[in-house]
Amino acid sequence: GGSLKLSCEASGSIFSISAMGWYRQAPGKQRDLVALVWTSGT
């Protein structure tokens, strides 16, 4: 029921990154999409 905020900072050759976001993987399961944000804002 609580809340948490994750952060991710990109560095290096960051030009032309089209999307950033998060995936997650629980034990014994595949890695799944959590959320993505595109440079368009989508």
PDB file of all heavy atoms in Angstrom:
ATOM      1  N   GLY A   1       0.796  -1.224   0.000  1.00  0.00           N
ATOM      2  CA  GLY A   1       0.000   0.000   0.000  1.00  0.00           C
ATOM      3  C   GLY A   1       0.824   1.267   0.000  1.00  0.00           C
ATOM      4  O   GLY A   1       0.287   2.357  -0.187  1.00  0.00           O
ATOM      5  N   GLY A   2       2.118   1.129   0.200  1.00  0.00           N
ATOM      6  CA  GLY A   2       2.994   2.284   0.256  1.00  0.00           C
ATOM      7  C   GLY A   2       3.464   2.729  -1.108  1.00  0.00           C
ATOM      8  O   GLY A   2       3.019   2.237  -2.153  1.00  0.00           O
ATOM      9  N   SER A   3       4.382   3.688  -1.088  1.00  0.00           N
ATOM     10  CA  SER A   3       4.903   4.278  -2.323  1.00  0.00           C
ATOM     11  C   SER A   3       6.423   4.273  -2.311  1.00  0.00           C
ATOM     12  O   SER A   3       7.048   4.254  -1.249  1.00  0.00           O
ATOM     13  CB  SER A   3       4.405   5.716  -2.486  1.00  0.00           C
ATOM     14  OG  SER A   3       3.001   5.770  -2.582  1.00  0.00           O
ATOM     15  N   LEU A   4       6.966   4.321  -3.502  1.00  0.00           N
ATOM     16  CA  LEU A   4       8.414   4.359  -3.681  1.00  0.00           C
ATOM     17  C   LEU A   4       8.689   5.051  -5.001  1.00  0.00           C
ATOM     18  O   LEU A   4       7.915   4.907  -5.960  1.00  0.00           O
ATOM     19  CB  LEU A   4       8.969   2.932  -3.698  1.00  0.00           C
ATOM     20  CG  LEU A   4      10.427   2.668  -3.303  1.00  0.00           C
ATOM     21  CD1 LEU A   4      10.664   3.123  -1.862  1.00  0.00           C
ATOM     22  CD2 LEU A   4      10.744   1.197  -3.445  1.00  0.00           C
ATOM     23  N   LYS A   5       9.791   5.797  -5.072  1.00  0.00           N
ATOM     24  CA  LYS A   5      10.156   6.475  -6.314  1.00  0.00           C
ATOM     25  C   LYS A   5      11.542   6.033  -6.744  1.00  0.00           C
ATOM     26  O   LYS A   5      12.505   6.161  -5.990  1.00  0.00           O
ATOM     27  CB  LYS A   5      10.121   7.990  -6.129  1.00  0.00           C
ATOM     28  CG  LYS A   5      10.328   8.763  -7.423  1.00  0.00           C
ATOM     29  CD  LYS A   5      10.108  10.257  -7.211  1.00  0.00           C
ATOM     30  CE  LYS A   5      10.225  11.035  -8.504  1.00  0.00           C
ATOM     31  NZ  LYS A   5       9.949  12.483  -8.311  1.00  0.00           N
ATOM     32  N   LEU A   6      11.625   5.529  -7.952  1.00  0.00           N
ATOM     33  CA  LEU A   6      12.890   5.104  -8.527  1.00  0.00           C
ATOM     34  C   LEU A   6      13.420   6.180  -9.466  1.00  0.00           C
ATOM     35  O   LEU A   6      12.649   6.888 -10.108  1.00  0.00           O
ATOM     36  CB  LEU A   6      12.717   3.801  -9.310  1.00  0.00           C
ATOM     37  CG  LEU A   6      12.041   2.629  -8.598  1.00  0.00           C
ATOM     38  CD1 LEU A   6      12.026   1.409  -9.508  1.00  0.00           C
ATOM     39  CD2 LEU A   6      12.701   2.337  -7.280  1.00  0.00           C
ATOM     40  N   SER A   7      14.740   6.270  -9.532  1.00  0.00           N
ATOM     41  CA  SER A   7      15.389   7.211 -10.441  1.00  0.00           C
ATOM     42  C   SER A   7      16.435   6.491 -11.265  1.00  0.00           C
ATOM     43  O   SER A   7      17.046   5.521 -10.806  1.00  0.00           O
ATOM     44  CB  SER A   7      16.060   8.342  -9.662  1.00  0.00           C
ATOM     45  OG  SER A   7      15.142   9.047  -8.875  1.00  0.00           O
ATOM     46  N   CYS A   8      16.648   6.969 -12.468  1.00  0.00           N
ATOM     47  CA  CYS A   8      17.684   6.405 -13.339  1.00  0.00           C
ATOM     48  C   CYS A   8      18.294   7.542 -14.144  1.00  0.00           C
ATOM     49  O   CYS A   8      17.592   8.237 -14.879  1.00  0.00           O
ATOM     50  CB  CYS A   8      17.098   5.361 -14.270  1.00  0.00           C
ATOM     51  SG  CYS A   8      18.285   4.722 -15.481  1.00  0.00           S
ATOM     52  N   GLU A   9      19.599   7.697 -13.999  1.00  0.00           N
ATOM     53  CA  GLU A   9      20.320   8.743 -14.728  1.00  0.00           C
ATOM     54  C   GLU A   9      21.176   8.116 -15.815  1.00  0.00           C
ATOM     55  O   GLU A   9      21.924   7.160 -15.565  1.00  0.00           O
ATOM     56  CB  GLU A   9      21.201   9.554 -13.792  1.00  0.00           C
ATOM     57  CG  GLU A   9      21.953  10.680 -14.508  1.00  0.00           C
ATOM     58  CD  GLU A   9      22.787  11.520 -13.567  1.00  0.00           C
ATOM     59  OE1 GLU A   9      22.814  11.220 -12.363  1.00  0.00           O
ATOM     60  OE2 GLU A   9      23.431  12.488 -14.046  1.00  0.00           O
ATOM     61  N   ALA A  10      21.065   8.660 -17.005  1.00  0.00           N
ATOM     62  CA  ALA A  10      21.862   8.192 -18.139  1.00  0.00           C
ATOM     63  C   ALA A  10      23.083   9.077 -18.318  1.00  0.00           C
ATOM     64  O   ALA A  10      23.016  10.290 -18.142  1.00  0.00           O
ATOM     65  CB  ALA A  10      21.024   8.205 -19.410  1.00  0.00           C
ATOM     66  N   SER A  11      24.195   8.456 -18.687  1.00  0.00           N
ATOM     67  CA  SER A  11      25.412   9.200 -18.969  1.00  0.00           C
ATOM     68  C   SER A  11      26.155   8.507 -20.114  1.00  0.00           C
ATOM     69  O   SER A  11      25.769   7.430 -20.572  1.00  0.00           O
ATOM     70  CB  SER A  11      26.302   9.293 -17.727  1.00  0.00           C
ATOM     71  OG  SER A  11      26.717   8.000 -17.317  1.00  0.00           O
ATOM     72  N   GLY A  12      27.232   9.147 -20.544  1.00  0.00           N
ATOM     73  CA  GLY A  12      27.989   8.588 -21.662  1.00  0.00           C
ATOM     74  C   GLY A  12      27.501   9.165 -22.972  1.00  0.00           C
ATOM     75  O   GLY A  12      27.157  10.335 -23.061  1.00  0.00           O
ATOM     76  N   SER A  13      27.399   8.313 -23.976  1.00  0.00           N
ATOM     77  CA  SER A  13      26.958   8.742 -25.300  1.00  0.00           C
ATOM     78  C   SER A  13      25.438   8.715 -25.348  1.00  0.00           C
ATOM     79  O   SER A  13      24.818   7.747 -25.783  1.00  0.00           O
ATOM     80  CB  SER A  13      27.543   7.821 -26.375  1.00  0.00           C
ATOM     81  OG  SER A  13      27.119   8.230 -27.662  1.00  0.00           O
ATOM     82  N   ILE A  14      24.824   9.781 -24.867  1.00  0.00           N
ATOM     83  CA  ILE A  14      23.376   9.774 -24.642  1.00  0.00           C
ATOM     84  C   ILE A  14      22.583  10.370 -25.791  1.00  0.00           C
ATOM     85  O   ILE A  14      21.357  10.435 -25.726  1.00  0.00           O
ATOM     86  CB  ILE A  14      23.014  10.496 -23.341  1.00  0.00           C
ATOM     87  CG1 ILE A  14      23.478  11.955 -23.414  1.00  0.00           C
ATOM     88  CG2 ILE A  14      23.607   9.781 -22.134  1.00  0.00           C
ATOM     89  CD1 ILE A  14      23.000  12.794 -22.250  1.00  0.00           C
ATOM     90  N   PHE A  15      23.271  10.793 -26.842  1.00  0.00           N
ATOM     91  CA  PHE A  15      22.547  11.371 -27.966  1.00  0.00           C
ATOM     92  C   PHE A  15      21.719  10.302 -28.656  1.00  0.00           C
ATOM     93  O   PHE A  15      22.087   9.151 -28.709  1.00  0.00           O
ATOM     94  CB  PHE A  15      23.520  12.018 -28.953  1.00  0.00           C
ATOM     95  CG  PHE A  15      24.297  13.142 -28.358  1.00  0.00           C
ATOM     96  CD1 PHE A  15      25.620  12.980 -27.974  1.00  0.00           C
ATOM     97  CD2 PHE A  15      23.697  14.371 -28.151  1.00  0.00           C
ATOM     98  CE1 PHE A  15      26.335  14.022 -27.413  1.00  0.00           C
ATOM     99  CE2 PHE A  15      24.401  15.421 -27.590  1.00  0.00           C
ATOM    100  CZ  PHE A  15      25.722  15.247 -27.216  1.00  0.00           C
ATOM    101  N   SER A  16      20.613  10.685 -29.169  1.00  0.00           N
ATOM    102  CA  SER A  16      19.727   9.805 -29.934  1.00  0.00           C
ATOM    103  C   SER A  16      19.103   8.693 -29.107  1.00  0.00           C
ATOM    104  O   SER A  16      18.712   7.660 -29.650  1.00  0.00           O
ATOM    105  CB  SER A  16      20.461   9.178 -31.134  1.00  0.00           C
ATOM    106  OG  SER A  16      20.938  10.177 -32.005  1.00  0.00           O
ATOM    107  N   ILE A  17      19.018   8.886 -27.788  1.00  0.00           N
ATOM    108  CA  ILE A  17      18.223   7.953 -26.987  1.00  0.00           C
ATOM    109  C   ILE A  17      16.763   8.221 -27.318  1.00  0.00           C
ATOM    110  O   ILE A  17      16.284   9.337 -27.168  1.00  0.00           O
ATOM    111  CB  ILE A  17      18.469   8.135 -25.485  1.00  0.00           C
ATOM    112  CG1 ILE A  17      19.859   7.629 -25.116  1.00  0.00           C
ATOM    113  CG2 ILE A  17      17.415   7.378 -24.680  1.00  0.00           C
ATOM    114  CD1 ILE A  17      20.200   7.797 -23.640  1.00  0.00           C
ATOM    115  N   SER A  18      16.054   7.201 -27.762  1.00  0.00           N
ATOM    116  CA  SER A  18      14.670   7.394 -28.179  1.00  0.00           C
ATOM    117  C   SER A  18      13.675   7.072 -27.069  1.00  0.00           C
ATOM    118  O   SER A  18      12.540   7.559 -27.097  1.00  0.00           O
ATOM    119  CB  SER A  18      14.355   6.567 -29.420  1.00  0.00           C
ATOM    120  OG  SER A  18      14.715   5.216 -29.213  1.00  0.00           O
ATOM    121  N   ALA A  19      14.086   6.255 -26.113  1.00  0.00           N
ATOM    122  CA  ALA A  19      13.179   5.900 -25.022  1.00  0.00           C
ATOM    123  C   ALA A  19      13.980   5.486 -23.808  1.00  0.00           C
ATOM    124  O   ALA A  19      15.087   4.945 -23.933  1.00  0.00           O
ATOM    125  CB  ALA A  19      12.238   4.773 -25.424  1.00  0.00           C
ATOM    126  N   MET A  20      13.406   5.736 -22.656  1.00  0.00           N
ATOM    127  CA  MET A  20      13.959   5.247 -21.392  1.00  0.00           C
ATOM    128  C   MET A  20      12.819   4.729 -20.546  1.00  0.00           C
ATOM    129  O   MET A  20      11.665   5.187 -20.686  1.00  0.00           O
ATOM    130  CB  MET A  20      14.713   6.345 -20.643  1.00  0.00           C
ATOM    131  CG  MET A  20      16.034   6.729 -21.240  1.00  0.00           C
ATOM    132  SD  MET A  20      16.915   7.955 -20.229  1.00  0.00           S
ATOM    133  CE  MET A  20      17.279   6.989 -18.746  1.00  0.00           C
ATOM    134  N   GLY A  21      13.164   3.811 -19.663  1.00  0.00           N
ATOM    135  CA  GLY A  21      12.098   3.314 -18.814  1.00  0.00           C
ATOM    136  C   GLY A  21      12.569   2.219 -17.880  1.00  0.00           C
ATOM    137  O   GLY A  21      13.760   2.140 -17.542  1.00  0.00           O
ATOM    138  N   TRP A  22      11.619   1.367 -17.506  1.00  0.00           N
ATOM    139  CA  TRP A  22      11.865   0.353 -16.486  1.00  0.00           C
ATOM    140  C   TRP A  22      11.261  -0.986 -16.890  1.00  0.00           C
ATOM    141  O   TRP A  22      10.143  -1.041 -17.433  1.00  0.00           O
ATOM    142  CB  TRP A  22      11.248   0.794 -15.158  1.00  0.00           C
ATOM    143  CG  TRP A  22      11.806   2.077 -14.659  1.00  0.00           C
ATOM    144  CD1 TRP A  22      11.372   3.336 -14.930  1.00  0.00           C
ATOM    145  CD2 TRP A  22      12.935   2.228 -13.793  1.00  0.00           C
ATOM    146  NE1 TRP A  22      12.156   4.257 -14.293  1.00  0.00           N
ATOM    147  CE2 TRP A  22      13.121   3.613 -13.575  1.00  0.00           C
ATOM    148  CE3 TRP A  22      13.801   1.332 -13.149  1.00  0.00           C
ATOM    149  CZ2 TRP A  22      14.140   4.115 -12.772  1.00  0.00           C
ATOM    150  CZ3 TRP A  22      14.809   1.839 -12.358  1.00  0.00           C
ATOM    151  CH2 TRP A  22      14.971   3.206 -12.167  1.00  0.00           C
ATOM    152  N   TYR A  23      12.013  -2.016 -16.592  1.00  0.00           N
ATOM    153  CA  TYR A  23      11.526  -3.392 -16.650  1.00  0.00           C
ATOM    154  C   TYR A  23      11.731  -4.001 -15.270  1.00  0.00           C
ATOM    155  O   TYR A  23      12.488  -3.461 -14.451  1.00  0.00           O
ATOM    156  CB  TYR A  23      12.300  -4.202 -17.703  1.00  0.00           C
ATOM    157  CG  TYR A  23      11.905  -3.910 -19.126  1.00  0.00           C
ATOM    158  CD1 TYR A  23      12.277  -2.723 -19.752  1.00  0.00           C
ATOM    159  CD2 TYR A  23      11.154  -4.827 -19.858  1.00  0.00           C
ATOM    160  CE1 TYR A  23      11.905  -2.468 -21.069  1.00  0.00           C
ATOM    161  CE2 TYR A  23      10.785  -4.580 -21.173  1.00  0.00           C
ATOM    162  CZ  TYR A  23      11.170  -3.400 -21.773  1.00  0.00           C
ATOM    163  OH  TYR A  23      10.806  -3.145 -23.079  1.00  0.00           O
ATOM    164  N   ARG A  24      11.084  -5.124 -15.017  1.00  0.00           N
ATOM    165  CA  ARG A  24      11.288  -5.819 -13.752  1.00  0.00           C
ATOM    166  C   ARG A  24      11.275  -7.321 -13.962  1.00  0.00           C
ATOM    167  O   ARG A  24      10.670  -7.826 -14.907  1.00  0.00           O
ATOM    168  CB  ARG A  24      10.237  -5.402 -12.730  1.00  0.00           C
ATOM    169  CG  ARG A  24       8.831  -5.888 -13.033  1.00  0.00           C
ATOM    170  CD  ARG A  24       7.849  -5.308 -12.027  1.00  0.00           C
ATOM    171  NE  ARG A  24       6.477  -5.762 -12.258  1.00  0.00           N
ATOM    172  CZ  ARG A  24       5.418  -5.291 -11.599  1.00  0.00           C
ATOM    173  NH1 ARG A  24       5.573  -4.357 -10.657  1.00  0.00           N
ATOM    174  NH2 ARG A  24       4.221  -5.763 -11.866  1.00  0.00           N
ATOM    175  N   GLN A  25      11.952  -7.985 -13.044  1.00  0.00           N
ATOM    176  CA  GLN A  25      12.041  -9.446 -13.121  1.00  0.00           C
ATOM    177  C   GLN A  25      11.913 -10.024 -11.719  1.00  0.00           C
ATOM    178  O   GLN A  25      12.744  -9.747 -10.854  1.00  0.00           O
ATOM    179  CB  GLN A  25      13.355  -9.876 -13.766  1.00  0.00           C
ATOM    180  CG  GLN A  25      13.449 -11.353 -14.049  1.00  0.00           C
ATOM    181  CD  GLN A  25      14.621 -11.685 -14.948  1.00  0.00           C
ATOM    182  OE1 GLN A  25      15.568 -10.923 -15.098  1.00  0.00           O
ATOM    183  NE2 GLN A  25      14.563 -12.856 -15.587  1.00  0.00           N
ATOM    184  N   ALA A  26      10.867 -10.809 -11.531  1.00  0.00           N
ATOM    185  CA  ALA A  26      10.660 -11.516 -10.269  1.00  0.00           C
ATOM    186  C   ALA A  26      11.344 -12.887 -10.363  1.00  0.00           C
ATOM    187  O   ALA A  26      11.572 -13.400 -11.465  1.00  0.00           O
ATOM    188  CB  ALA A  26       9.177 -11.685  -9.998  1.00  0.00           C
ATOM    189  N   PRO A  27      11.655 -13.496  -9.237  1.00  0.00           N
ATOM    190  CA  PRO A  27      12.336 -14.806  -9.254  1.00  0.00           C
ATOM    191  C   PRO A  27      11.552 -15.839 -10.057  1.00  0.00           C
ATOM    192  O   PRO A  27      10.347 -16.004  -9.863  1.00  0.00           O
ATOM    193  CB  PRO A  27      12.387 -15.180  -7.770  1.00  0.00           C
ATOM    194  CG  PRO A  27      12.383 -13.885  -7.050  1.00  0.00           C
ATOM    195  CD  PRO A  27      11.494 -12.981  -7.866  1.00  0.00           C
ATOM    196  N   GLY A  28      12.241 -16.499 -10.972  1.00  0.00           N
ATOM    197  CA  GLY A  28      11.620 -17.540 -11.765  1.00  0.00           C
ATOM    198  C   GLY A  28      10.732 -17.054 -12.884  1.00  0.00           C
ATOM    199  O   GLY A  28      10.073 -17.859 -13.545  1.00  0.00           O
ATOM    200  N   LYS A  29      10.708 -15.733 -13.112  1.00  0.00           N
ATOM    201  CA  LYS A  29       9.845 -15.179 -14.161  1.00  0.00           C
ATOM    202  C   LYS A  29      10.664 -14.411 -15.182  1.00  0.00           C
ATOM    203  O   LYS A  29      11.819 -14.088 -14.959  1.00  0.00           O
ATOM    204  CB  LYS A  29       8.782 -14.278 -13.540  1.00  0.00           C
ATOM    205  CG  LYS A  29       7.815 -15.012 -12.614  1.00  0.00           C
ATOM    206  CD  LYS A  29       6.678 -14.130 -12.201  1.00  0.00           C
ATOM    207  CE  LYS A  29       5.674 -14.895 -11.345  1.00  0.00           C
ATOM    208  NZ  LYS A  29       4.514 -14.043 -10.941  1.00  0.00           N
ATOM    209  N   GLN A  30      10.047 -14.104 -16.310  1.00  0.00           N
ATOM    210  CA  GLN A  30      10.740 -13.348 -17.344  1.00  0.00           C
ATOM    211  C   GLN A  30      10.769 -11.875 -16.983  1.00  0.00           C
ATOM    212  O   GLN A  30      10.032 -11.413 -16.115  1.00  0.00           O
ATOM    213  CB  GLN A  30      10.035 -13.534 -18.688  1.00  0.00           C
ATOM    214  CG  GLN A  30       8.630 -12.933 -18.751  1.00  0.00           C
ATOM    215  CD  GLN A  30       7.958 -13.170 -20.096  1.00  0.00           C
ATOM    216  OE1 GLN A  30       8.325 -14.067 -20.847  1.00  0.00           O
ATOM    217  NE2 GLN A  30       6.967 -12.354 -20.412  1.00  0.00           N
ATOM    218  N   ARG A  31      11.628 -11.144 -17.669  1.00  0.00           N
ATOM    219  CA  ARG A  31      11.713  -9.703 -17.469  1.00  0.00           C
ATOM    220  C   ARG A  31      10.567  -9.043 -18.248  1.00  0.00           C
ATOM    221  O   ARG A  31      10.434  -9.253 -19.459  1.00  0.00           O
ATOM    222  CB  ARG A  31      13.068  -9.181 -17.949  1.00  0.00           C
ATOM    223  CG  ARG A  31      13.366  -7.758 -17.563  1.00  0.00           C
ATOM    224  CD  ARG A  31      14.793  -7.381 -17.907  1.00  0.00           C
ATOM    225  NE  ARG A  31      15.780  -8.175 -17.173  1.00  0.00           N
ATOM    226  CZ  ARG A  31      17.091  -7.932 -17.187  1.00  0.00           C
ATOM    227  NH1 ARG A  31      17.558  -6.921 -17.904  1.00  0.00           N
ATOM    228  NH2 ARG A  31      17.908  -8.708 -16.506  1.00  0.00           N
ATOM    229  N   ASP A  32       9.790  -8.245 -17.550  1.00  0.00           N
ATOM    230  CA  ASP A  32       8.602  -7.635 -18.141  1.00  0.00           C
ATOM    231  C   ASP A  32       8.674  -6.108 -18.134  1.00  0.00           C
ATOM    232  O   ASP A  32       9.275  -5.514 -17.238  1.00  0.00           O
ATOM    233  CB  ASP A  32       7.342  -8.055 -17.370  1.00  0.00           C
ATOM    234  CG  ASP A  32       6.984  -9.514 -17.584  1.00  0.00           C
ATOM    235  OD1 ASP A  32       7.268 -10.045 -18.677  1.00  0.00           O
ATOM    236  OD2 ASP A  32       6.412 -10.103 -16.651  1.00  0.00           O
ATOM    237  N   LEU A  33       7.998  -5.516 -19.083  1.00  0.00           N
ATOM    238  CA  LEU A  33       7.894  -4.059 -19.141  1.00  0.00           C
ATOM    239  C   LEU A  33       7.110  -3.538 -17.941  1.00  0.00           C
ATOM    240  O   LEU A  33       6.045  -4.055 -17.609  1.00  0.00           O
ATOM    241  CB  LEU A  33       7.189  -3.640 -20.423  1.00  0.00           C
ATOM    242  CG  LEU A  33       6.814  -2.176 -20.524  1.00  0.00           C
ATOM    243  CD1 LEU A  33       8.041  -1.297 -20.685  1.00  0.00           C
ATOM    244  CD2 LEU A  33       5.832  -1.932 -21.672  1.00  0.00           C
ATOM    245  N   VAL A  34       7.663  -2.483 -17.325  1.00  0.00           N
ATOM    246  CA  VAL A  34       6.917  -1.735 -16.320  1.00  0.00           C
ATOM    247  C   VAL A  34       6.395  -0.449 -16.957  1.00  0.00           C
ATOM    248  O   VAL A  34       5.191  -0.197 -16.984  1.00  0.00           O
ATOM    249  CB  VAL A  34       7.789  -1.414 -15.101  1.00  0.00           C
ATOM    250  CG1 VAL A  34       7.003  -0.588 -14.092  1.00  0.00           C
ATOM    251  CG2 VAL A  34       8.315  -2.691 -14.460  1.00  0.00           C
ATOM    252  N   ALA A  35       7.320   0.360 -17.476  1.00  0.00           N
ATOM    253  CA  ALA A  35       6.922   1.613 -18.105  1.00  0.00           C
ATOM    254  C   ALA A  35       8.047   2.144 -18.977  1.00  0.00           C
ATOM    255  O   ALA A  35       9.226   1.945 -18.671  1.00  0.00           O
ATOM    256  CB  ALA A  35       6.556   2.661 -17.050  1.00  0.00           C
ATOM    257  N   LEU A  36       7.673   2.808 -20.054  1.00  0.00           N
ATOM    258  CA  LEU A  36       8.616   3.461 -20.955  1.00  0.00           C
ATOM    259  C   LEU A  36       8.116   4.857 -21.254  1.00  0.00           C
ATOM    260  O   LEU A  36       6.900   5.077 -21.351  1.00  0.00           O
ATOM    261  CB  LEU A  36       8.725   2.699 -22.273  1.00  0.00           C
ATOM    262  CG  LEU A  36       9.641   1.489 -22.377  1.00  0.00           C
ATOM    263  CD1 LEU A  36       9.509   0.867 -23.759  1.00  0.00           C
ATOM    264  CD2 LEU A  36      11.080   1.882 -22.110  1.00  0.00           C
ATOM    265  N   VAL A  37       9.062   5.790 -21.431  1.00  0.00           N
ATOM    266  CA  VAL A  37       8.710   7.116 -21.921  1.00  0.00           C
ATOM    267  C   VAL A  37       9.594   7.420 -23.115  1.00  0.00           C
ATOM    268  O   VAL A  37      10.813   7.241 -23.065  1.00  0.00           O
ATOM    269  CB  VAL A  37       8.833   8.195 -20.817  1.00  0.00           C
ATOM    270  CG1 VAL A  37      10.227   8.267 -20.226  1.00  0.00           C
ATOM    271  CG2 VAL A  37       8.405   9.556 -21.354  1.00  0.00           C
ATOM    272  N   TRP A  38       8.963   7.852 -24.197  1.00  0.00           N
ATOM    273  CA  TRP A  38       9.661   8.151 -25.433  1.00  0.00           C
ATOM    274  C   TRP A  38       9.986   9.638 -25.490  1.00  0.00           C
ATOM    275  O   TRP A  38       9.380  10.438 -24.779  1.00  0.00           O
ATOM    276  CB  TRP A  38       8.806   7.745 -26.629  1.00  0.00           C
ATOM    277  CG  TRP A  38       8.525   6.272 -26.642  1.00  0.00           C
ATOM    278  CD1 TRP A  38       7.569   5.610 -25.930  1.00  0.00           C
ATOM    279  CD2 TRP A  38       9.221   5.273 -27.391  1.00  0.00           C
ATOM    280  NE1 TRP A  38       7.629   4.263 -26.172  1.00  0.00           N
ATOM    281  CE2 TRP A  38       8.625   4.029 -27.078  1.00  0.00           C
ATOM    282  CE3 TRP A  38      10.267   5.298 -28.294  1.00  0.00           C
ATOM    283  CZ2 TRP A  38       9.069   2.824 -27.636  1.00  0.00           C
ATOM    284  CZ3 TRP A  38      10.700   4.107 -28.854  1.00  0.00           C
ATOM    285  CH2 TRP A  38      10.107   2.882 -28.524  1.00  0.00           C
ATOM    286  N   THR A  39      10.927  10.005 -26.358  1.00  0.00           N
ATOM    287  CA  THR A  39      11.309  11.414 -26.466  1.00  0.00           C
ATOM    288  C   THR A  39      10.131  12.264 -26.918  1.00  0.00           C
ATOM    289  O   THR A  39      10.094  13.463 -26.665  1.00  0.00           O
ATOM    290  CB  THR A  39      12.479  11.594 -27.432  1.00  0.00           C
ATOM    291  OG1 THR A  39      12.187  10.945 -28.673  1.00  0.00           O
ATOM    292  CG2 THR A  39      13.756  11.000 -26.847  1.00  0.00           C
ATOM    293  N   SER A  40       9.172  11.635 -27.571  1.00  0.00           N
ATOM    294  CA  SER A  40       7.965  12.352 -27.991  1.00  0.00           C
ATOM    295  C   SER A  40       7.055  12.676 -26.820  1.00  0.00           C
ATOM    296  O   SER A  40       6.125  13.482 -26.941  1.00  0.00           O
ATOM    297  CB  SER A  40       7.186  11.504 -29.004  1.00  0.00           C
ATOM    298  OG  SER A  40       6.721  10.317 -28.401  1.00  0.00           O
ATOM    299  N   GLY A  41       7.309  12.001 -25.691  1.00  0.00           N
ATOM    300  CA  GLY A  41       6.434  12.167 -24.537  1.00  0.00           C
ATOM    301  C   GLY A  41       5.435  11.028 -24.372  1.00  0.00           C
ATOM    302  O   GLY A  41       4.784  10.916 -23.337  1.00  0.00           O
ATOM    303  N   THR A  42       5.325  10.201 -25.390  1.00  0.00           N
ATOM    304  CA  THR A  42       4.447   9.034 -25.293  1.00  0.00           C
ATOM    305  C   THR A  42       4.934   8.084 -24.209  1.00  0.00           C
ATOM    306  O   THR A  42       6.144   7.906 -24.048  1.00  0.00           O
ATOM    307  CB  THR A  42       4.405   8.301 -26.636  1.00  0.00           C
ATOM    308  OG1 THR A  42       3.891   9.184 -27.635  1.00  0.00           O
ATOM    309  CG2 THR A  42       3.530   7.057 -26.566  1.00  0.00           C
TER     310      THR A  42
END
